[in-house]
Structures are given as C-alpha cells and as structure tokens.
Amino acid sequence: MMAKTPNNQAEIIDNPHIRDLFATQALSFSMVGTSNVSITLSSARWSPVKKAVQHVVVERVVMPLTGAQNMAVALNDFLIKQGHDPSAAITAGESRQ
C-alpha cells in the first residue's frame, strides 16, 4: 500500500510484514550525541518468582532530534483530537512532569 503524505512529500510504503510492539510506557529518554534521541520502551510484566510487577525493556527507538520533535508534536496533536489532552493529564497529576 502506498500513500502520499501531505503537500506531496515522499511516498510512504507500508510494510505488512513488520511486527507490532506493545509497550506500557516510555521508560526513559536520552540524547545520543547531540543530534539523536533514544527512547527506551518497557512493558509491565508479572514475575511469579519475585511476586511483583517488573518493567522489562522491550525496545529502544533512536531517531534524529528533528524527527523526535516532530513525533512529540504530532502525538500531542493526535491525543488532543482523541480527547486525551496531555496538558490536562499533567494538571490532574496523572502523568509525570
């Protein structure tokens, strides 16, 4: 499946063979050098040995700073359109600041 992005930018080619990744949180963020952002994703999993929930790292995503900034803005806009304003969650104490 190919689709044009807004303003006739480069084509997007969907890959139906990629795996979906489920993560329960973005565990940490760091700068890699001065121009890349690393996002560590984790999933909460029950440990029957420790009888506790553990946060297991499931993936790291590294992207250029500009891409990370664009993703943050796009995700914020998407959540607002879905009725889940991140600013309201922060004000209500539902999210770390």
N, C-alpha and C. Protein backbone atom coordinates (compact mmCIF):
# COMPACT_ATOMS: atom_id res chain seq x y z
N MET A 1 0.85 -1.17 0.00
CA MET A 1 0.00 0.00 0.00
C MET A 1 0.90 1.24 0.00
N MET A 2 0.66 2.15 -0.93
CA MET A 2 1.42 3.39 -0.97
C MET A 2 0.47 4.56 -0.81
N ALA A 3 0.92 5.56 -0.11
CA ALA A 3 0.09 6.74 0.11
C ALA A 3 0.95 7.98 0.01
N LYS A 4 0.35 9.05 -0.46
CA LYS A 4 1.05 10.32 -0.50
C LYS A 4 0.88 11.01 0.84
N THR A 5 1.95 11.64 1.29
CA THR A 5 1.87 12.41 2.52
C THR A 5 1.38 13.80 2.17
N PRO A 6 0.98 14.61 3.17
CA PRO A 6 0.52 15.97 2.88
C PRO A 6 1.56 16.76 2.09
N ASN A 7 1.09 17.66 1.28
CA ASN A 7 1.94 18.54 0.46
C ASN A 7 2.80 17.77 -0.53
N ASN A 8 2.32 16.59 -0.96
CA ASN A 8 3.03 15.79 -1.96
C ASN A 8 4.48 15.51 -1.59
N GLN A 9 4.72 15.19 -0.33
CA GLN A 9 6.06 14.81 0.10
C GLN A 9 6.34 13.38 -0.37
N ALA A 10 7.41 12.79 0.12
CA ALA A 10 7.80 11.44 -0.30
C ALA A 10 6.69 10.43 -0.04
N GLU A 11 6.64 9.40 -0.86
CA GLU A 11 5.66 8.34 -0.68
C GLU A 11 5.95 7.53 0.57
N ILE A 12 4.90 7.04 1.20
CA ILE A 12 5.03 6.15 2.34
C ILE A 12 4.67 4.76 1.86
N ILE A 13 5.55 3.80 2.07
CA ILE A 13 5.30 2.43 1.67
C ILE A 13 5.07 1.61 2.93
N ASP A 14 3.85 1.10 3.10
CA ASP A 14 3.52 0.31 4.28
C ASP A 14 4.09 -1.09 4.12
N ASN A 15 4.68 -1.62 5.19
CA ASN A 15 5.23 -2.97 5.18
C ASN A 15 4.32 -3.85 6.04
N PRO A 16 3.52 -4.71 5.41
CA PRO A 16 2.58 -5.54 6.18
C PRO A 16 3.26 -6.65 6.98
N HIS A 17 4.58 -6.81 6.83
CA HIS A 17 5.28 -7.91 7.49
C HIS A 17 5.99 -7.50 8.78
N ILE A 18 5.92 -6.21 9.15
CA ILE A 18 6.58 -5.80 10.39
C ILE A 18 5.77 -6.27 11.59
N ARG A 19 6.47 -6.43 12.71
CA ARG A 19 5.77 -6.87 13.92
C ARG A 19 5.24 -5.65 14.68
N ASP A 20 4.17 -5.86 15.40
CA ASP A 20 3.66 -4.83 16.30
C ASP A 20 4.35 -5.01 17.64
N LEU A 21 4.64 -3.90 18.28
CA LEU A 21 5.30 -3.92 19.57
C LEU A 21 4.35 -3.32 20.59
N PHE A 22 4.14 -4.00 21.71
CA PHE A 22 3.31 -3.46 22.77
C PHE A 22 4.21 -3.05 23.92
N ALA A 23 4.12 -1.80 24.32
CA ALA A 23 4.87 -1.29 25.47
C ALA A 23 3.89 -0.55 26.37
N THR A 24 4.09 -0.67 27.67
CA THR A 24 3.19 0.00 28.60
C THR A 24 3.68 1.40 28.98
N GLN A 25 4.97 1.69 28.68
CA GLN A 25 5.45 3.04 28.97
C GLN A 25 6.75 3.34 28.24
N ALA A 26 7.00 4.63 28.07
CA ALA A 26 8.32 5.09 27.63
C ALA A 26 9.10 5.26 28.92
N LEU A 27 10.01 4.34 29.16
CA LEU A 27 10.72 4.26 30.44
C LEU A 27 11.73 5.38 30.61
N SER A 28 12.47 5.69 29.54
CA SER A 28 13.47 6.75 29.65
C SER A 28 13.77 7.36 28.30
N PHE A 29 14.34 8.54 28.35
CA PHE A 29 14.74 9.29 27.17
C PHE A 29 16.19 9.72 27.37
N SER A 30 16.98 9.72 26.32
CA SER A 30 18.35 10.22 26.43
C SER A 30 18.80 10.75 25.08
N MET A 31 19.80 11.60 25.13
CA MET A 31 20.41 12.12 23.91
C MET A 31 21.56 11.20 23.55
N VAL A 32 21.65 10.85 22.29
CA VAL A 32 22.77 10.08 21.77
C VAL A 32 23.59 11.07 20.96
N GLY A 33 24.70 11.49 21.52
CA GLY A 33 25.45 12.59 20.92
C GLY A 33 24.66 13.87 21.09
N THR A 34 24.69 14.71 20.08
CA THR A 34 23.95 15.97 20.16
C THR A 34 22.78 16.04 19.18
N SER A 35 22.59 14.97 18.38
CA SER A 35 21.58 15.09 17.34
C SER A 35 20.60 13.92 17.24
N ASN A 36 20.64 13.00 18.20
CA ASN A 36 19.72 11.87 18.19
C ASN A 36 19.10 11.67 19.56
N VAL A 37 17.85 11.23 19.57
CA VAL A 37 17.12 10.96 20.80
C VAL A 37 16.86 9.46 20.89
N SER A 38 17.13 8.89 22.05
CA SER A 38 16.87 7.48 22.30
C SER A 38 15.69 7.38 23.27
N ILE A 39 14.71 6.55 22.90
CA ILE A 39 13.53 6.32 23.74
C ILE A 39 13.52 4.84 24.11
N THR A 40 13.58 4.54 25.40
CA THR A 40 13.56 3.16 25.87
C THR A 40 12.12 2.83 26.27
N LEU A 41 11.57 1.80 25.64
CA LEU A 41 10.19 1.38 25.91
C LEU A 41 10.21 0.13 26.78
N SER A 42 9.24 0.06 27.69
CA SER A 42 9.16 -1.10 28.57
C SER A 42 7.74 -1.62 28.65
N SER A 43 7.62 -2.83 29.14
CA SER A 43 6.33 -3.46 29.33
C SER A 43 6.26 -4.00 30.76
N ALA A 44 5.17 -3.72 31.44
CA ALA A 44 4.99 -4.22 32.80
C ALA A 44 4.63 -5.70 32.73
N ARG A 45 5.41 -6.52 33.45
CA ARG A 45 5.17 -7.96 33.43
C ARG A 45 5.25 -8.51 34.86
N TRP A 46 4.37 -9.43 35.14
CA TRP A 46 4.32 -10.05 36.46
C TRP A 46 5.43 -11.10 36.57
N SER A 47 6.18 -11.03 37.66
CA SER A 47 7.20 -12.03 37.94
C SER A 47 6.69 -12.94 39.04
N PRO A 48 6.41 -14.21 38.71
CA PRO A 48 5.95 -15.13 39.74
C PRO A 48 7.03 -15.45 40.77
N VAL A 49 8.29 -15.29 40.39
CA VAL A 49 9.39 -15.54 41.32
C VAL A 49 9.47 -14.44 42.36
N LYS A 50 9.45 -13.18 41.90
CA LYS A 50 9.54 -12.04 42.82
C LYS A 50 8.18 -11.61 43.35
N LYS A 51 7.12 -12.18 42.80
CA LYS A 51 5.75 -11.83 43.19
C LYS A 51 5.53 -10.31 43.12
N ALA A 52 5.96 -9.75 42.01
CA ALA A 52 5.86 -8.30 41.79
C ALA A 52 5.85 -8.02 40.30
N VAL A 53 5.37 -6.84 39.97
CA VAL A 53 5.41 -6.38 38.58
C VAL A 53 6.79 -5.81 38.31
N GLN A 54 7.37 -6.21 37.20
CA GLN A 54 8.67 -5.68 36.79
C GLN A 54 8.50 -4.95 35.46
N HIS A 55 9.33 -3.96 35.24
CA HIS A 55 9.31 -3.22 33.98
C HIS A 55 10.43 -3.76 33.11
N VAL A 56 10.07 -4.50 32.09
CA VAL A 56 11.04 -5.16 31.22
C VAL A 56 11.24 -4.33 29.96
N VAL A 57 12.50 -4.00 29.65
CA VAL A 57 12.79 -3.24 28.43
C VAL A 57 12.46 -4.12 27.24
N VAL A 58 11.64 -3.58 26.32
CA VAL A 58 11.23 -4.35 25.14
C VAL A 58 11.78 -3.78 23.84
N GLU A 59 12.22 -2.51 23.85
CA GLU A 59 12.73 -1.91 22.62
C GLU A 59 13.35 -0.56 22.91
N ARG A 60 14.29 -0.17 22.07
CA ARG A 60 14.82 1.19 22.09
C ARG A 60 14.64 1.76 20.69
N VAL A 61 14.16 2.98 20.63
CA VAL A 61 14.00 3.66 19.36
C VAL A 61 14.95 4.85 19.38
N VAL A 62 15.78 4.97 18.35
CA VAL A 62 16.70 6.10 18.23
C VAL A 62 16.33 6.83 16.95
N MET A 63 16.12 8.14 17.08
CA MET A 63 15.75 8.92 15.90
C MET A 63 16.42 10.29 15.94
N PRO A 64 16.59 10.91 14.77
CA PRO A 64 17.17 12.24 14.75
C PRO A 64 16.33 13.20 15.59
N LEU A 65 16.99 14.20 16.15
CA LEU A 65 16.33 15.18 17.01
C LEU A 65 15.10 15.78 16.35
N THR A 66 15.22 16.17 15.09
CA THR A 66 14.08 16.77 14.38
C THR A 66 12.91 15.80 14.28
N GLY A 67 13.20 14.53 14.01
CA GLY A 67 12.15 13.52 13.94
C GLY A 67 11.47 13.33 15.28
N ALA A 68 12.26 13.34 16.36
CA ALA A 68 11.70 13.19 17.71
C ALA A 68 10.82 14.38 18.06
N GLN A 69 11.26 15.58 17.71
CA GLN A 69 10.45 16.78 17.97
C GLN A 69 9.15 16.71 17.17
N ASN A 70 9.22 16.32 15.91
CA ASN A 70 8.01 16.20 15.09
C ASN A 70 7.07 15.14 15.64
N MET A 71 7.64 14.03 16.14
CA MET A 71 6.81 12.98 16.72
C MET A 71 6.10 13.49 17.98
N ALA A 72 6.82 14.23 18.83
CA ALA A 72 6.22 14.76 20.06
C ALA A 72 5.04 15.68 19.74
N VAL A 73 5.23 16.55 18.77
CA VAL A 73 4.16 17.49 18.38
C VAL A 73 2.99 16.73 17.76
N ALA A 74 3.28 15.78 16.87
CA ALA A 74 2.22 15.01 16.21
C ALA A 74 1.45 14.16 17.21
N LEU A 75 2.15 13.53 18.17
CA LEU A 75 1.48 12.72 19.19
C LEU A 75 0.60 13.59 20.07
N ASN A 76 1.11 14.76 20.46
CA ASN A 76 0.33 15.69 21.26
C ASN A 76 -0.95 16.09 20.52
N ASP A 77 -0.82 16.46 19.24
CA ASP A 77 -1.99 16.84 18.44
C ASP A 77 -2.97 15.69 18.32
N PHE A 78 -2.47 14.48 18.08
CA PHE A 78 -3.32 13.30 17.95
C PHE A 78 -4.11 13.05 19.23
N LEU A 79 -3.42 13.09 20.39
CA LEU A 79 -4.10 12.85 21.67
C LEU A 79 -5.16 13.90 21.96
N ILE A 80 -4.88 15.15 21.65
CA ILE A 80 -5.88 16.21 21.84
C ILE A 80 -7.11 15.93 20.98
N LYS A 81 -6.91 15.55 19.72
CA LYS A 81 -8.03 15.26 18.81
C LYS A 81 -8.85 14.06 19.29
N GLN A 82 -8.20 13.15 20.04
CA GLN A 82 -8.90 11.98 20.56
C GLN A 82 -9.55 12.25 21.92
N GLY A 83 -9.40 13.49 22.42
CA GLY A 83 -9.99 13.86 23.70
C GLY A 83 -9.12 13.53 24.91
N HIS A 84 -7.83 13.35 24.68
CA HIS A 84 -6.91 13.00 25.77
C HIS A 84 -5.77 14.01 25.82
N ASP A 85 -6.07 15.22 26.21
CA ASP A 85 -5.09 16.31 26.23
C ASP A 85 -3.99 16.02 27.26
N PRO A 86 -2.73 15.86 26.82
CA PRO A 86 -1.65 15.60 27.76
C PRO A 86 -1.51 16.68 28.83
N SER A 87 -1.79 17.93 28.50
CA SER A 87 -1.70 19.01 29.49
C SER A 87 -2.69 18.79 30.63
N ALA A 88 -3.89 18.31 30.30
CA ALA A 88 -4.91 18.04 31.32
C ALA A 88 -4.47 16.89 32.22
N ALA A 89 -3.81 15.87 31.64
CA ALA A 89 -3.33 14.74 32.44
C ALA A 89 -2.25 15.19 33.42
N ILE A 90 -1.37 16.07 32.97
CA ILE A 90 -0.31 16.58 33.85
C ILE A 90 -0.92 17.39 34.99
N THR A 91 -1.87 18.25 34.65
CA THR A 91 -2.53 19.07 35.67
C THR A 91 -3.27 18.21 36.70
N ALA A 92 -3.85 17.11 36.25
CA ALA A 92 -4.59 16.21 37.13
C ALA A 92 -3.67 15.27 37.92
N GLY A 93 -2.37 15.36 37.66
CA GLY A 93 -1.42 14.50 38.38
C GLY A 93 -1.35 13.09 37.84
N GLU A 94 -1.86 12.86 36.63
CA GLU A 94 -1.86 11.52 36.05
C GLU A 94 -0.59 11.19 35.30
N SER A 95 0.27 12.16 35.12
CA SER A 95 1.48 11.96 34.34
C SER A 95 2.65 12.65 35.01
N ARG A 96 3.84 12.08 34.81
CA ARG A 96 5.00 12.75 35.40
C ARG A 96 5.33 14.01 34.59
N GLN A 97 5.87 14.97 35.28
CA GLN A 97 6.16 16.25 34.62
C GLN A 97 7.61 16.37 34.31
